[in-house]
N, C-alpha and C. Protein backbone atom coordinates (compact mmCIF):
# COMPACT_ATOMS: atom_id res chain seq x y z
N MET A 1 0.80 -1.23 0.01
CA MET A 1 0.04 0.04 -0.04
C MET A 1 0.81 1.25 -0.08
N LYS A 2 1.87 1.31 0.88
CA LYS A 2 2.78 2.41 0.99
C LYS A 2 3.51 2.68 -0.37
N ARG A 3 3.93 1.61 -1.00
CA ARG A 3 4.59 1.74 -2.28
C ARG A 3 3.59 2.46 -3.35
N TRP A 4 2.37 1.91 -3.36
CA TRP A 4 1.44 2.42 -4.36
C TRP A 4 1.08 3.88 -4.06
N MET A 5 1.05 4.28 -2.80
CA MET A 5 0.85 5.66 -2.40
C MET A 5 2.00 6.56 -2.75
N GLY A 6 3.21 6.04 -2.74
CA GLY A 6 4.46 6.79 -3.15
C GLY A 6 4.37 7.03 -4.63
N LEU A 7 3.94 6.04 -5.40
CA LEU A 7 3.85 6.10 -6.89
C LEU A 7 2.85 7.23 -7.25
N GLU A 8 1.64 7.17 -6.60
CA GLU A 8 0.61 8.13 -6.90
C GLU A 8 0.99 9.65 -6.52
N ILE A 9 1.80 9.73 -5.25
CA ILE A 9 2.23 11.08 -4.95
C ILE A 9 3.27 11.65 -5.99
N ARG A 10 4.12 10.72 -6.41
CA ARG A 10 5.08 11.14 -7.46
C ARG A 10 4.45 11.59 -8.64
N LYS A 11 3.30 10.93 -9.17
CA LYS A 11 2.54 11.38 -10.22
C LYS A 11 2.01 12.73 -10.00
N ILE A 12 1.36 12.94 -8.91
CA ILE A 12 0.68 14.22 -8.61
C ILE A 12 1.79 15.38 -8.66
N ASN A 13 2.93 15.08 -8.12
CA ASN A 13 4.03 16.06 -7.91
C ASN A 13 4.72 16.40 -9.15
N GLU A 14 4.33 15.63 -10.30
CA GLU A 14 4.96 15.88 -11.61
C GLU A 14 4.58 17.28 -12.09
N SER A 15 3.46 17.75 -11.57
CA SER A 15 2.99 19.08 -12.15
C SER A 15 3.60 20.26 -11.34
N VAL A 16 4.39 20.00 -10.22
CA VAL A 16 5.03 20.93 -9.51
C VAL A 16 6.23 21.50 -10.32
N VAL A 17 6.37 22.88 -10.22
CA VAL A 17 7.50 23.47 -10.81
C VAL A 17 8.80 23.01 -10.19
N ALA A 18 9.71 22.57 -11.15
CA ALA A 18 11.11 22.14 -10.70
C ALA A 18 12.01 23.29 -10.76
N GLY A 19 12.07 24.05 -11.79
CA GLY A 19 13.07 25.10 -11.95
C GLY A 19 12.49 26.35 -11.38
N ARG A 20 12.41 26.57 -10.14
CA ARG A 20 11.79 27.77 -9.59
C ARG A 20 12.78 28.90 -9.85
N LYS A 21 12.21 30.08 -10.06
CA LYS A 21 12.94 31.25 -10.28
C LYS A 21 12.45 32.39 -9.31
N THR A 22 13.25 33.31 -9.09
CA THR A 22 12.86 34.44 -8.20
C THR A 22 11.74 35.20 -8.86
N LEU A 23 11.06 35.99 -8.04
CA LEU A 23 10.03 36.92 -8.50
C LEU A 23 10.64 37.87 -9.39
N SER A 24 11.77 38.44 -8.99
CA SER A 24 12.42 39.44 -9.85
C SER A 24 12.80 38.95 -11.27
N ALA A 25 13.25 37.71 -11.29
CA ALA A 25 13.63 37.07 -12.68
C ALA A 25 12.37 36.91 -13.42
N LEU A 26 11.27 36.54 -12.87
CA LEU A 26 9.98 36.22 -13.69
C LEU A 26 9.48 37.49 -14.12
N LEU A 27 9.55 38.55 -13.24
CA LEU A 27 9.07 39.87 -13.78
C LEU A 27 9.82 40.33 -14.92
N SER A 28 10.98 40.01 -15.08
CA SER A 28 11.83 40.44 -16.12
C SER A 28 11.52 39.73 -17.49
N GLU A 29 10.77 38.68 -17.37
CA GLU A 29 10.42 37.80 -18.62
C GLU A 29 9.09 38.46 -19.16
N GLU A 30 9.09 38.39 -20.49
CA GLU A 30 7.79 38.93 -21.15
C GLU A 30 6.68 37.92 -20.93
N SER A 31 6.94 36.65 -21.00
CA SER A 31 5.99 35.56 -20.81
C SER A 31 6.64 34.62 -19.76
N PRO A 32 6.39 34.96 -18.45
CA PRO A 32 6.99 34.10 -17.34
C PRO A 32 6.64 32.72 -17.35
N SER A 33 7.69 31.88 -17.41
CA SER A 33 7.37 30.37 -17.35
C SER A 33 8.59 29.61 -16.75
N SER A 34 8.32 28.46 -16.50
CA SER A 34 9.26 27.48 -16.03
C SER A 34 8.92 26.18 -16.40
N LEU A 35 9.65 25.15 -15.97
CA LEU A 35 9.33 23.72 -16.31
C LEU A 35 8.89 22.95 -15.06
N THR A 36 7.95 22.11 -15.24
CA THR A 36 7.56 21.22 -14.12
C THR A 36 8.39 19.92 -13.90
N LYS A 37 8.27 19.27 -12.76
CA LYS A 37 8.99 18.00 -12.69
C LYS A 37 8.82 17.01 -13.79
N GLY A 38 7.65 17.01 -14.32
CA GLY A 38 7.23 16.21 -15.42
C GLY A 38 7.72 16.76 -16.77
N GLY A 39 8.43 17.82 -16.86
CA GLY A 39 9.08 18.35 -18.14
C GLY A 39 8.03 19.26 -18.88
N GLU A 40 6.97 19.62 -18.44
CA GLU A 40 5.93 20.41 -18.99
C GLU A 40 6.19 21.90 -18.83
N GLU A 41 5.81 22.82 -19.76
CA GLU A 41 6.01 24.22 -19.59
C GLU A 41 4.96 24.72 -18.59
N TYR A 42 5.27 25.42 -17.56
CA TYR A 42 4.43 25.98 -16.68
C TYR A 42 4.40 27.60 -16.80
N LEU A 43 3.19 28.05 -17.29
CA LEU A 43 3.03 29.54 -17.54
C LEU A 43 2.50 30.32 -16.27
N PHE A 44 3.15 31.28 -15.82
CA PHE A 44 2.76 32.04 -14.65
C PHE A 44 1.75 33.17 -15.19
N ASP A 45 0.96 33.61 -14.29
CA ASP A 45 0.01 34.67 -14.55
C ASP A 45 0.76 36.02 -14.27
N ARG A 46 1.12 36.65 -15.30
CA ARG A 46 1.97 37.82 -15.27
C ARG A 46 1.32 38.96 -14.27
N ASP A 47 0.01 39.10 -14.37
CA ASP A 47 -0.72 40.07 -13.65
C ASP A 47 -0.54 39.87 -12.10
N VAL A 48 -0.59 38.60 -11.72
CA VAL A 48 -0.33 38.17 -10.30
C VAL A 48 0.98 38.60 -9.94
N LEU A 49 2.01 38.18 -10.77
CA LEU A 49 3.40 38.52 -10.37
C LEU A 49 3.61 40.01 -10.16
N VAL A 50 2.99 40.82 -11.12
CA VAL A 50 3.12 42.24 -11.09
C VAL A 50 2.58 42.72 -9.68
N ARG A 51 1.42 42.19 -9.43
CA ARG A 51 0.76 42.65 -8.13
C ARG A 51 1.66 42.33 -6.95
N MET A 52 2.16 41.19 -6.90
CA MET A 52 3.10 40.72 -5.94
C MET A 52 4.27 41.74 -5.89
N GLY A 53 4.90 41.91 -6.95
CA GLY A 53 6.11 42.80 -7.10
C GLY A 53 5.77 44.11 -6.69
N GLU A 54 4.68 44.66 -6.88
CA GLU A 54 4.39 46.08 -6.56
C GLU A 54 4.26 46.24 -5.00
N THR A 55 3.97 45.12 -4.27
CA THR A 55 3.82 45.14 -2.92
C THR A 55 5.06 44.78 -2.14
N LEU A 56 5.71 43.85 -2.56
CA LEU A 56 6.87 43.33 -1.79
C LEU A 56 8.21 44.20 -2.07
N PRO A 57 8.92 44.35 -0.88
CA PRO A 57 10.16 45.13 -1.03
C PRO A 57 11.20 44.39 -1.90
N LYS A 58 12.11 45.11 -2.49
CA LYS A 58 13.17 44.59 -3.43
C LYS A 58 13.89 43.36 -2.92
N ASP A 59 14.35 43.43 -1.57
CA ASP A 59 15.11 42.31 -1.10
C ASP A 59 14.16 41.02 -1.06
N ILE A 60 13.02 41.01 -0.79
CA ILE A 60 12.14 39.84 -0.93
C ILE A 60 11.92 39.39 -2.43
N ARG A 61 11.68 40.40 -3.36
CA ARG A 61 11.51 40.10 -4.69
C ARG A 61 12.76 39.30 -5.26
N ASP A 62 13.92 39.78 -4.81
CA ASP A 62 15.15 39.12 -5.24
C ASP A 62 15.47 37.81 -4.71
N ARG A 63 14.77 37.35 -3.65
CA ARG A 63 15.07 36.10 -3.02
C ARG A 63 13.89 35.11 -3.11
N LEU A 64 12.61 35.68 -3.26
CA LEU A 64 11.45 34.73 -3.22
C LEU A 64 11.44 33.95 -4.49
N LYS A 65 11.36 32.58 -4.30
CA LYS A 65 11.32 31.63 -5.42
C LYS A 65 9.79 31.36 -5.53
N ILE A 66 9.47 31.46 -6.82
CA ILE A 66 8.07 31.29 -7.26
C ILE A 66 8.02 30.01 -8.20
N PRO A 67 6.93 29.21 -7.93
CA PRO A 67 5.87 29.34 -7.05
C PRO A 67 6.32 29.13 -5.51
N ILE A 68 5.62 29.70 -4.69
CA ILE A 68 5.74 29.50 -3.32
C ILE A 68 5.16 28.08 -3.06
N LEU A 69 5.87 27.27 -2.27
CA LEU A 69 5.44 25.93 -2.14
C LEU A 69 5.00 25.56 -0.72
N PHE A 70 3.62 25.17 -0.66
CA PHE A 70 3.18 24.65 0.69
C PHE A 70 3.28 23.22 0.52
N TYR A 71 3.58 22.54 1.63
CA TYR A 71 3.72 21.10 1.66
C TYR A 71 2.45 20.40 2.40
N PHE A 72 1.96 19.44 1.79
CA PHE A 72 0.79 18.74 2.28
C PHE A 72 1.42 17.46 2.97
N ASP A 73 1.17 17.29 4.35
CA ASP A 73 1.66 16.11 5.02
C ASP A 73 0.38 15.28 5.40
N SER A 74 0.33 14.14 4.95
CA SER A 74 -0.86 13.23 5.16
C SER A 74 -1.10 12.94 6.72
N THR A 75 -0.13 13.23 7.50
CA THR A 75 -0.34 12.98 8.85
C THR A 75 -0.95 14.11 9.66
N VAL A 76 -1.17 15.32 8.94
CA VAL A 76 -1.68 16.50 9.63
C VAL A 76 -2.95 16.78 8.73
N ALA A 77 -4.16 16.62 9.33
CA ALA A 77 -5.34 16.80 8.64
C ALA A 77 -5.69 18.18 8.24
N ASP A 78 -5.35 19.11 9.00
CA ASP A 78 -6.01 20.47 8.82
C ASP A 78 -5.01 21.66 8.37
N SER A 79 -3.76 21.21 8.14
CA SER A 79 -2.78 22.26 7.87
C SER A 79 -1.79 21.81 6.72
N CYS A 80 -1.19 22.78 6.19
CA CYS A 80 0.00 22.56 5.33
C CYS A 80 1.13 23.37 5.90
N PHE A 81 2.41 23.15 5.43
CA PHE A 81 3.37 23.90 5.92
C PHE A 81 4.29 24.56 4.85
N LEU A 82 4.88 25.72 5.30
CA LEU A 82 5.95 26.39 4.48
C LEU A 82 7.26 25.95 5.12
N ALA A 83 8.29 25.76 4.27
CA ALA A 83 9.68 25.54 4.67
C ALA A 83 10.60 26.60 4.24
N ASP A 84 10.10 27.69 3.71
CA ASP A 84 10.99 28.71 3.14
C ASP A 84 10.69 29.96 3.91
N GLU A 85 11.74 30.44 4.56
CA GLU A 85 11.62 31.78 5.41
C GLU A 85 11.23 32.88 4.60
N THR A 86 11.69 32.92 3.38
CA THR A 86 11.50 34.16 2.47
C THR A 86 9.97 34.18 2.09
N ALA A 87 9.51 33.03 1.81
CA ALA A 87 8.08 32.76 1.42
C ALA A 87 7.21 33.22 2.62
N VAL A 88 7.47 32.85 3.77
CA VAL A 88 6.73 33.24 5.02
C VAL A 88 6.81 34.71 5.15
N ARG A 89 7.97 35.29 4.99
CA ARG A 89 8.07 36.83 5.02
C ARG A 89 7.31 37.51 3.97
N ALA A 90 7.32 36.92 2.79
CA ALA A 90 6.54 37.53 1.60
C ALA A 90 4.96 37.44 1.92
N LEU A 91 4.49 36.32 2.37
CA LEU A 91 3.04 36.24 2.71
C LEU A 91 2.65 37.00 3.79
N GLN A 92 3.60 37.35 4.71
CA GLN A 92 3.24 38.29 5.84
C GLN A 92 3.21 39.73 5.23
N GLU A 93 4.18 40.12 4.46
CA GLU A 93 4.25 41.47 3.81
C GLU A 93 2.89 41.67 2.99
N LEU A 94 2.41 40.55 2.30
CA LEU A 94 1.16 40.66 1.40
C LEU A 94 -0.05 40.72 2.35
N GLY A 95 0.08 40.40 3.68
CA GLY A 95 -1.04 40.44 4.52
C GLY A 95 -1.84 39.24 4.51
N GLU A 96 -1.27 38.07 4.05
CA GLU A 96 -1.96 36.80 3.91
C GLU A 96 -1.84 35.97 5.20
N ILE A 97 -0.74 36.01 5.85
CA ILE A 97 -0.57 35.27 7.13
C ILE A 97 -0.11 36.25 8.18
N SER A 98 -0.42 36.05 9.42
CA SER A 98 -0.04 36.93 10.50
C SER A 98 1.50 36.97 10.68
N ARG A 99 1.91 38.13 11.09
CA ARG A 99 3.30 38.32 11.49
C ARG A 99 3.60 37.61 12.82
N LEU A 100 2.57 37.22 13.59
CA LEU A 100 2.75 36.50 14.86
C LEU A 100 2.98 34.98 14.61
N ARG A 101 2.70 34.54 13.33
CA ARG A 101 3.01 33.13 13.08
C ARG A 101 4.48 32.85 13.29
N SER A 102 4.77 31.69 13.93
CA SER A 102 6.19 31.42 14.06
C SER A 102 6.48 29.98 13.64
N ALA A 103 7.77 29.62 13.43
CA ALA A 103 8.10 28.36 12.97
C ALA A 103 8.18 27.33 14.03
N THR A 104 7.70 26.06 13.75
CA THR A 104 7.87 25.03 14.60
C THR A 104 8.89 24.10 13.99
N GLY A 105 10.11 24.20 14.57
CA GLY A 105 11.29 23.60 13.91
C GLY A 105 11.57 24.40 12.61
N GLU A 106 11.57 23.66 11.53
CA GLU A 106 11.95 24.52 10.23
C GLU A 106 10.58 24.81 9.59
N LYS A 107 9.37 24.56 10.11
CA LYS A 107 8.17 24.56 9.35
C LYS A 107 7.30 25.69 9.94
N VAL A 108 6.60 26.44 9.04
CA VAL A 108 5.51 27.25 9.52
C VAL A 108 4.11 26.69 9.02
N TRP A 109 3.38 26.36 10.07
CA TRP A 109 2.08 25.60 9.69
C TRP A 109 0.99 26.63 9.42
N VAL A 110 0.13 26.34 8.36
CA VAL A 110 -0.82 27.34 7.98
C VAL A 110 -2.04 26.43 7.65
N GLY A 111 -3.29 26.89 8.19
CA GLY A 111 -4.52 25.96 8.14
C GLY A 111 -4.88 25.99 6.60
N LYS A 112 -5.44 24.86 6.26
CA LYS A 112 -5.75 24.63 4.81
C LYS A 112 -6.76 25.73 4.30
N PRO A 113 -7.81 26.07 5.06
CA PRO A 113 -8.70 27.17 4.39
C PRO A 113 -7.85 28.35 3.97
N ILE A 114 -6.86 28.77 4.81
CA ILE A 114 -6.09 29.96 4.45
C ILE A 114 -5.10 29.63 3.27
N VAL A 115 -4.56 28.45 3.29
CA VAL A 115 -3.74 28.02 2.14
C VAL A 115 -4.46 28.05 0.85
N PHE A 116 -5.77 27.49 0.83
CA PHE A 116 -6.54 27.50 -0.36
C PHE A 116 -6.97 28.89 -0.80
N ALA A 117 -7.26 29.86 0.11
CA ALA A 117 -7.58 31.16 -0.22
C ALA A 117 -6.29 31.87 -0.84
N ILE A 118 -5.14 31.62 -0.30
CA ILE A 118 -3.94 32.16 -0.89
C ILE A 118 -3.72 31.66 -2.30
N ILE A 119 -4.03 30.35 -2.45
CA ILE A 119 -3.81 29.72 -3.87
C ILE A 119 -4.82 30.40 -4.74
N ALA A 120 -5.99 30.58 -4.42
CA ALA A 120 -7.07 31.21 -5.26
C ALA A 120 -6.68 32.72 -5.61
N LYS A 121 -6.12 33.47 -4.68
CA LYS A 121 -5.74 34.87 -4.90
C LYS A 121 -4.52 34.97 -5.78
N TYR A 122 -3.55 34.13 -5.63
CA TYR A 122 -2.23 34.20 -6.29
C TYR A 122 -2.05 33.06 -7.20
N ARG A 123 -3.11 32.84 -8.03
CA ARG A 123 -3.10 31.67 -8.97
C ARG A 123 -1.82 31.58 -9.84
N LYS A 124 -1.41 30.33 -9.80
CA LYS A 124 -0.20 29.97 -10.57
C LYS A 124 1.17 30.30 -9.86
N ALA A 125 1.03 31.26 -8.81
CA ALA A 125 2.17 31.62 -7.97
C ALA A 125 2.45 30.82 -6.76
N VAL A 126 1.58 29.94 -6.47
CA VAL A 126 1.61 29.11 -5.29
C VAL A 126 1.15 27.72 -5.69
N GLN A 127 1.89 26.68 -5.17
CA GLN A 127 1.59 25.34 -5.42
C GLN A 127 1.62 24.61 -4.18
N ILE A 128 0.83 23.38 -4.07
CA ILE A 128 0.96 22.30 -2.94
C ILE A 128 1.79 21.26 -3.41
N VAL A 129 2.78 20.85 -2.65
CA VAL A 129 3.51 19.60 -2.89
C VAL A 129 3.06 18.55 -1.85
N MET A 130 2.87 17.37 -2.43
CA MET A 130 2.47 16.26 -1.65
C MET A 130 3.61 15.52 -1.09
N ARG A 131 3.56 15.17 0.21
CA ARG A 131 4.65 14.39 0.85
C ARG A 131 4.14 13.15 1.31
């Protein structure tokens, strides 16, 4: 069963962007895109990137890898986690998560309803990775 689940998770994760670029780099592209783990082209929504770029300070734009990755852990039913300090800071600057949120170990846990709202608002700039 575990082996089968691992195969299914790998298939799902093939749509996750493999060659993540910084927000600044994507904003410099006329048609921002990257490749998925499965080798497919992934087109970003330029309007979303511009909106993010207008709000975030330069130091974050230059370090923030897009898409922002939330990790789904099957052992935690109600939350996903971020493992990227720059992504946490960016989402705080954008007003999407509280500045009071702190890391547990290397992870910042965020409730799934908030994660889904962030994904809907920043379409194509945020993805969920299955673990």
